[in-house]
Structures are given as structure tokens and as C-alpha cells.
């Protein structure tokens, strides 16, 4: 999910929210973006704030654990 390269050649990430996120309140969401070899996570309230990066296999294991699968 990487969009076109802006000037400077650094790829922009395409951020997505969970379908379980509240549409009425932006205060309780995280956003996720995938890139080759990494899954990025950020707080939707702090778009330019810190981001976490995970290996895809680590993220998949977390999602499976969190969903109870």
C-alpha cells in the first residue's frame, strides 16, 4: 500500500483505519500502513507523532492473538 513517490523520492504510506473504529470519534483509533517488509502503526490523533514498525509476521501474530484466533 505505497502511493506514488513525492518530490525527494521518499514513498508516502497509505494509512487505513479498522472497520471497527468509531466514525463519530477520532479519539479512539489507530491507523495501519503496510510497506514492503514492514507494518506501520500510528495514533490517529497524532498523525505526525511517533510510529511503531513491525515485521509482517509479528503483526500477523499480534492480530491473531488480539482477535482470539
PDB file of N, CA and C in Angstrom:
ATOM      1  N   UNK A   1       0.803  -1.177   0.000  1.00  0.00           N
ATOM      2  CA  UNK A   1       0.000   0.000   0.000  1.00  0.00           C
ATOM      3  C   UNK A   1       0.853   1.251   0.000  1.00  0.00           C
ATOM      4  N   UNK A   2       1.706   1.413  -0.924  1.00  0.00           N
ATOM      5  CA  UNK A   2       2.519   2.619  -1.007  1.00  0.00           C
ATOM      6  C   UNK A   2       2.033   3.416  -2.203  1.00  0.00           C
ATOM      7  N   UNK A   3       1.777   4.694  -1.980  1.00  0.00           N
ATOM      8  CA  UNK A   3       1.331   5.539  -3.073  1.00  0.00           C
ATOM      9  C   UNK A   3       2.538   6.044  -3.853  1.00  0.00           C
ATOM     10  N   UNK A   4       2.281   6.947  -4.769  1.00  0.00           N
ATOM     11  CA  UNK A   4       3.353   7.470  -5.609  1.00  0.00           C
ATOM     12  C   UNK A   4       4.408   8.184  -4.780  1.00  0.00           C
ATOM     13  N   UNK A   5       5.608   8.281  -5.339  1.00  0.00           N
ATOM     14  CA  UNK A   5       6.699   8.950  -4.652  1.00  0.00           C
ATOM     15  C   UNK A   5       6.563  10.457  -4.784  1.00  0.00           C
ATOM     16  N   UNK A   6       6.632  11.175  -3.679  1.00  0.00           N
ATOM     17  CA  UNK A   6       6.627  12.633  -3.754  1.00  0.00           C
ATOM     18  C   UNK A   6       8.008  13.134  -4.164  1.00  0.00           C
ATOM     19  N   UNK A   7       8.140  14.440  -4.335  1.00  0.00           N
ATOM     20  CA  UNK A   7       9.453  15.014  -4.621  1.00  0.00           C
ATOM     21  C   UNK A   7      10.396  14.625  -3.491  1.00  0.00           C
ATOM     22  N   UNK A   8      11.569  14.209  -3.824  1.00  0.00           N
ATOM     23  CA  UNK A   8      12.525  13.764  -2.817  1.00  0.00           C
ATOM     24  C   UNK A   8      12.659  12.254  -2.800  1.00  0.00           C
ATOM     25  N   UNK A   9      11.726  11.529  -3.436  1.00  0.00           N
ATOM     26  CA  UNK A   9      11.846  10.103  -3.603  1.00  0.00           C
ATOM     27  C   UNK A   9      11.481   9.241  -2.417  1.00  0.00           C
ATOM     28  N   UNK A  10      10.890   9.802  -1.362  1.00  0.00           N
ATOM     29  CA  UNK A  10      10.508   9.008  -0.198  1.00  0.00           C
ATOM     30  C   UNK A  10       9.050   8.587  -0.367  1.00  0.00           C
ATOM     31  N   UNK A  11       8.759   7.285  -0.289  1.00  0.00           N
ATOM     32  CA  UNK A  11       7.381   6.837  -0.503  1.00  0.00           C
ATOM     33  C   UNK A  11       6.434   7.298   0.612  1.00  0.00           C
ATOM     34  N   UNK A  12       5.242   7.667   0.226  1.00  0.00           N
ATOM     35  CA  UNK A  12       4.190   8.009   1.187  1.00  0.00           C
ATOM     36  C   UNK A  12       3.448   6.731   1.532  1.00  0.00           C
ATOM     37  N   UNK A  13       3.103   6.573   2.784  1.00  0.00           N
ATOM     38  CA  UNK A  13       2.337   5.412   3.211  1.00  0.00           C
ATOM     39  C   UNK A  13       0.854   5.703   3.084  1.00  0.00           C
ATOM     40  N   UNK A  14       0.084   4.694   2.756  1.00  0.00           N
ATOM     41  CA  UNK A  14      -1.372   4.821   2.696  1.00  0.00           C
ATOM     42  C   UNK A  14      -1.916   4.248   3.998  1.00  0.00           C
ATOM     43  N   UNK A  15      -2.447   5.110   4.850  1.00  0.00           N
ATOM     44  CA  UNK A  15      -2.916   4.730   6.177  1.00  0.00           C
ATOM     45  C   UNK A  15      -4.368   4.306   6.126  1.00  0.00           C
ATOM     46  N   UNK A  16      -4.707   3.266   6.892  1.00  0.00           N
ATOM     47  CA  UNK A  16      -6.074   2.741   6.953  1.00  0.00           C
ATOM     48  C   UNK A  16      -6.489   2.588   8.407  1.00  0.00           C
ATOM     49  N   UNK A  17      -7.781   2.808   8.666  1.00  0.00           N
ATOM     50  CA  UNK A  17      -8.341   2.575   9.998  1.00  0.00           C
ATOM     51  C   UNK A  17      -9.125   1.277   9.986  1.00  0.00           C
ATOM     52  N   UNK A  18      -9.260   0.696  11.129  1.00  0.00           N
ATOM     53  CA  UNK A  18     -10.051  -0.516  11.274  1.00  0.00           C
ATOM     54  C   UNK A  18     -11.513  -0.231  10.978  1.00  0.00           C
ATOM     55  N   UNK A  19     -12.197  -1.217  10.442  1.00  0.00           N
ATOM     56  CA  UNK A  19     -13.640  -1.081  10.225  1.00  0.00           C
ATOM     57  C   UNK A  19     -14.382  -1.034  11.556  1.00  0.00           C
ATOM     58  N   UNK A  20     -13.714  -1.399  12.643  1.00  0.00           N
ATOM     59  CA  UNK A  20     -14.312  -1.337  13.976  1.00  0.00           C
ATOM     60  C   UNK A  20     -14.143   0.037  14.615  1.00  0.00           C
ATOM     61  N   UNK A  21     -13.404   0.936  13.978  1.00  0.00           N
ATOM     62  CA  UNK A  21     -13.192   2.263  14.531  1.00  0.00           C
ATOM     63  C   UNK A  21     -14.490   3.056  14.519  1.00  0.00           C
ATOM     64  N   UNK A  22     -14.652   3.872  15.523  1.00  0.00           N
ATOM     65  CA  UNK A  22     -15.832   4.733  15.627  1.00  0.00           C
ATOM     66  C   UNK A  22     -15.749   5.833  14.581  1.00  0.00           C
ATOM     67  N   UNK A  23     -16.798   6.025  13.825  1.00  0.00           N
ATOM     68  CA  UNK A  23     -16.835   7.111  12.844  1.00  0.00           C
ATOM     69  C   UNK A  23     -17.130   8.448  13.496  1.00  0.00           C
ATOM     70  N   UNK A  24     -17.717   8.432  14.684  1.00  0.00           N
ATOM     71  CA  UNK A  24     -18.096   9.674  15.341  1.00  0.00           C
ATOM     72  C   UNK A  24     -16.976  10.276  16.176  1.00  0.00           C
ATOM     73  N   UNK A  25     -15.966   9.479  16.505  1.00  0.00           N
ATOM     74  CA  UNK A  25     -14.886   9.971  17.354  1.00  0.00           C
ATOM     75  C   UNK A  25     -13.549   9.502  16.817  1.00  0.00           C
ATOM     76  N   UNK A  26     -12.709  10.447  16.503  1.00  0.00           N
ATOM     77  CA  UNK A  26     -11.368  10.107  16.018  1.00  0.00           C
ATOM     78  C   UNK A  26     -10.431   9.782  17.176  1.00  0.00           C
ATOM     79  N   UNK A  27     -10.909   9.917  18.411  1.00  0.00           N
ATOM     80  CA  UNK A  27     -10.055   9.805  19.586  1.00  0.00           C
ATOM     81  C   UNK A  27      -9.692   8.373  19.955  1.00  0.00           C
ATOM     82  N   UNK A  28     -10.303   7.389  19.340  1.00  0.00           N
ATOM     83  CA  UNK A  28     -10.055   6.017  19.773  1.00  0.00           C
ATOM     84  C   UNK A  28      -9.551   5.116  18.648  1.00  0.00           C
ATOM     85  N   UNK A  29      -8.788   5.674  17.741  1.00  0.00           N
ATOM     86  CA  UNK A  29      -8.356   4.899  16.580  1.00  0.00           C
ATOM     87  C   UNK A  29      -6.837   4.804  16.468  1.00  0.00           C
ATOM     88  N   UNK A  30      -6.408   3.703  15.920  1.00  0.00           N
ATOM     89  CA  UNK A  30      -5.045   3.602  15.434  1.00  0.00           C
ATOM     90  C   UNK A  30      -5.153   3.414  13.926  1.00  0.00           C
ATOM     91  N   UNK A  31      -4.118   3.756  13.233  1.00  0.00           N
ATOM     92  CA  UNK A  31      -4.075   3.584  11.792  1.00  0.00           C
ATOM     93  C   UNK A  31      -2.901   2.683  11.459  1.00  0.00           C
ATOM     94  N   UNK A  32      -3.048   1.930  10.382  1.00  0.00           N
ATOM     95  CA  UNK A  32      -2.041   0.964   9.953  1.00  0.00           C
ATOM     96  C   UNK A  32      -1.707   1.218   8.487  1.00  0.00           C
ATOM     97  N   UNK A  33      -0.446   1.093   8.151  1.00  0.00           N
ATOM     98  CA  UNK A  33       0.001   1.187   6.762  1.00  0.00           C
ATOM     99  C   UNK A  33       0.998   0.063   6.510  1.00  0.00           C
ATOM    100  N   UNK A  34       0.892  -0.562   5.368  1.00  0.00           N
ATOM    101  CA  UNK A  34       1.843  -1.616   5.031  1.00  0.00           C
ATOM    102  C   UNK A  34       2.825  -1.125   3.985  1.00  0.00           C
ATOM    103  N   UNK A  35       4.017  -1.639   4.067  1.00  0.00           N
ATOM    104  CA  UNK A  35       5.087  -1.359   3.120  1.00  0.00           C
ATOM    105  C   UNK A  35       5.864  -2.659   2.962  1.00  0.00           C
ATOM    106  N   UNK A  36       6.654  -2.780   1.934  1.00  0.00           N
ATOM    107  CA  UNK A  36       7.444  -3.998   1.791  1.00  0.00           C
ATOM    108  C   UNK A  36       8.304  -4.246   3.038  1.00  0.00           C
ATOM    109  N   UNK A  37       8.060  -5.353   3.700  1.00  0.00           N
ATOM    110  CA  UNK A  37       8.858  -5.737   4.854  1.00  0.00           C
ATOM    111  C   UNK A  37       8.484  -5.103   6.169  1.00  0.00           C
ATOM    112  N   UNK A  38       7.400  -4.295   6.214  1.00  0.00           N
ATOM    113  CA  UNK A  38       7.036  -3.637   7.469  1.00  0.00           C
ATOM    114  C   UNK A  38       5.554  -3.292   7.516  1.00  0.00           C
ATOM    115  N   UNK A  39       5.027  -3.281   8.732  1.00  0.00           N
ATOM    116  CA  UNK A  39       3.683  -2.779   9.004  1.00  0.00           C
ATOM    117  C   UNK A  39       3.868  -1.638   9.987  1.00  0.00           C
ATOM    118  N   UNK A  40       3.340  -0.468   9.644  1.00  0.00           N
ATOM    119  CA  UNK A  40       3.485   0.727  10.461  1.00  0.00           C
ATOM    120  C   UNK A  40       2.173   1.008  11.179  1.00  0.00           C
ATOM    121  N   UNK A  41       2.263   1.477  12.433  1.00  0.00           N
ATOM    122  CA  UNK A  41       1.087   1.771  13.248  1.00  0.00           C
ATOM    123  C   UNK A  41       1.285   3.152  13.866  1.00  0.00           C
ATOM    124  N   UNK A  42       0.209   3.953  13.839  1.00  0.00           N
ATOM    125  CA  UNK A  42       0.270   5.280  14.458  1.00  0.00           C
ATOM    126  C   UNK A  42      -1.057   5.602  15.131  1.00  0.00           C
ATOM    127  N   UNK A  43      -1.041   6.582  16.000  1.00  0.00           N
ATOM    128  CA  UNK A  43      -2.222   7.090  16.681  1.00  0.00           C
ATOM    129  C   UNK A  43      -2.907   8.082  15.746  1.00  0.00           C
ATOM    130  N   UNK A  44      -4.200   7.906  15.509  1.00  0.00           N
ATOM    131  CA  UNK A  44      -4.905   8.793  14.579  1.00  0.00           C
ATOM    132  C   UNK A  44      -5.017  10.224  15.100  1.00  0.00           C
ATOM    133  N   UNK A  45      -4.802  10.437  16.394  1.00  0.00           N
ATOM    134  CA  UNK A  45      -4.847  11.787  16.958  1.00  0.00           C
ATOM    135  C   UNK A  45      -3.523  12.518  16.783  1.00  0.00           C
ATOM    136  N   UNK A  46      -2.455  11.792  16.505  1.00  0.00           N
ATOM    137  CA  UNK A  46      -1.119  12.385  16.405  1.00  0.00           C
ATOM    138  C   UNK A  46      -0.465  11.926  15.111  1.00  0.00           C
ATOM    139  N   UNK A  47      -0.973  12.416  13.994  1.00  0.00           N
ATOM    140  CA  UNK A  47      -0.520  11.940  12.690  1.00  0.00           C
ATOM    141  C   UNK A  47       0.972  12.132  12.446  1.00  0.00           C
ATOM    142  N   UNK A  48       1.533  13.181  12.977  1.00  0.00           N
ATOM    143  CA  UNK A  48       2.971  13.389  12.776  1.00  0.00           C
ATOM    144  C   UNK A  48       3.784  12.913  13.972  1.00  0.00           C
ATOM    145  N   UNK A  49       3.126  12.275  14.924  1.00  0.00           N
ATOM    146  CA  UNK A  49       3.793  11.778  16.118  1.00  0.00           C
ATOM    147  C   UNK A  49       4.528  10.481  15.870  1.00  0.00           C
ATOM    148  N   UNK A  50       4.916   9.800  16.934  1.00  0.00           N
ATOM    149  CA  UNK A  50       5.682   8.563  16.799  1.00  0.00           C
ATOM    150  C   UNK A  50       4.884   7.469  16.098  1.00  0.00           C
ATOM    151  N   UNK A  51       5.607   6.595  15.452  1.00  0.00           N
ATOM    152  CA  UNK A  51       5.018   5.444  14.759  1.00  0.00           C
ATOM    153  C   UNK A  51       5.765   4.195  15.201  1.00  0.00           C
ATOM    154  N   UNK A  52       5.048   3.110  15.216  1.00  0.00           N
ATOM    155  CA  UNK A  52       5.670   1.821  15.506  1.00  0.00           C
ATOM    156  C   UNK A  52       5.809   1.063  14.196  1.00  0.00           C
ATOM    157  N   UNK A  53       6.859   0.280  14.080  1.00  0.00           N
ATOM    158  CA  UNK A  53       7.064  -0.548  12.904  1.00  0.00           C
ATOM    159  C   UNK A  53       7.256  -1.994  13.312  1.00  0.00           C
ATOM    160  N   UNK A  54       6.590  -2.894  12.606  1.00  0.00           N
ATOM    161  CA  UNK A  54       6.659  -4.325  12.910  1.00  0.00           C
ATOM    162  C   UNK A  54       6.969  -5.115  11.647  1.00  0.00           C
ATOM    163  N   UNK A  55       7.620  -6.247  11.829  1.00  0.00           N
ATOM    164  CA  UNK A  55       7.758  -7.194  10.721  1.00  0.00           C
ATOM    165  C   UNK A  55       6.367  -7.758  10.439  1.00  0.00           C
ATOM    166  N   UNK A  56       6.065  -8.039   9.188  1.00  0.00           N
ATOM    167  CA  UNK A  56       4.727  -8.557   8.863  1.00  0.00           C
ATOM    168  C   UNK A  56       4.339  -9.802   9.670  1.00  0.00           C
ATOM    169  N   UNK A  57       5.262 -10.709   9.917  1.00  0.00           N
ATOM    170  CA  UNK A  57       4.926 -11.915  10.684  1.00  0.00           C
ATOM    171  C   UNK A  57       4.596 -11.587  12.139  1.00  0.00           C
ATOM    172  N   UNK A  58       5.280 -10.602  12.702  1.00  0.00           N
ATOM    173  CA  UNK A  58       4.988 -10.169  14.063  1.00  0.00           C
ATOM    174  C   UNK A  58       3.606  -9.542  14.130  1.00  0.00           C
ATOM    175  N   UNK A  59       3.267  -8.701  13.162  1.00  0.00           N
ATOM    176  CA  UNK A  59       1.951  -8.062  13.122  1.00  0.00           C
ATOM    177  C   UNK A  59       0.845  -9.109  12.957  1.00  0.00           C
ATOM    178  N   UNK A  60       1.056 -10.072  12.083  1.00  0.00           N
ATOM    179  CA  UNK A  60       0.071 -11.139  11.882  1.00  0.00           C
ATOM    180  C   UNK A  60      -0.168 -11.915  13.172  1.00  0.00           C
ATOM    181  N   UNK A  61       0.900 -12.206  13.915  1.00  0.00           N
ATOM    182  CA  UNK A  61       0.761 -12.922  15.190  1.00  0.00           C
ATOM    183  C   UNK A  61      -0.010 -12.077  16.200  1.00  0.00           C
ATOM    184  N   UNK A  62       0.260 -10.771  16.242  1.00  0.00           N
ATOM    185  CA  UNK A  62      -0.468  -9.880  17.145  1.00  0.00           C
ATOM    186  C   UNK A  62      -1.954  -9.837  16.798  1.00  0.00           C
ATOM    187  N   UNK A  63      -2.277  -9.678  15.539  1.00  0.00           N
ATOM    188  CA  UNK A  63      -3.675  -9.608  15.110  1.00  0.00           C
ATOM    189  C   UNK A  63      -4.400 -10.909  15.451  1.00  0.00           C
ATOM    190  N   UNK A  64      -3.760 -12.047  15.217  1.00  0.00           N
ATOM    191  CA  UNK A  64      -4.368 -13.330  15.556  1.00  0.00           C
ATOM    192  C   UNK A  64      -4.613 -13.431  17.069  1.00  0.00           C
ATOM    193  N   UNK A  65      -3.642 -13.004  17.862  1.00  0.00           N
ATOM    194  CA  UNK A  65      -3.789 -13.030  19.318  1.00  0.00           C
ATOM    195  C   UNK A  65      -4.911 -12.093  19.774  1.00  0.00           C
ATOM    196  N   UNK A  66      -4.898 -10.864  19.266  1.00  0.00           N
ATOM    197  CA  UNK A  66      -5.891  -9.871  19.680  1.00  0.00           C
ATOM    198  C   UNK A  66      -7.307 -10.249  19.269  1.00  0.00           C
ATOM    199  N   UNK A  67      -7.445 -10.968  18.172  1.00  0.00           N
ATOM    200  CA  UNK A  67      -8.780 -11.352  17.706  1.00  0.00           C
ATOM    201  C   UNK A  67      -9.229 -12.674  18.322  1.00  0.00           C
ATOM    202  N   UNK A  68      -8.347 -13.323  19.078  1.00  0.00           N
ATOM    203  CA  UNK A  68      -8.708 -14.575  19.748  1.00  0.00           C
ATOM    204  C   UNK A  68      -8.650 -15.790  18.844  1.00  0.00           C
ATOM    205  N   UNK A  69      -7.993 -15.659  17.690  1.00  0.00           N
ATOM    206  CA  UNK A  69      -7.868 -16.800  16.757  1.00  0.00           C
ATOM    207  C   UNK A  69      -6.617 -17.604  17.011  1.00  0.00           C
TER     208      UNK A  69
END
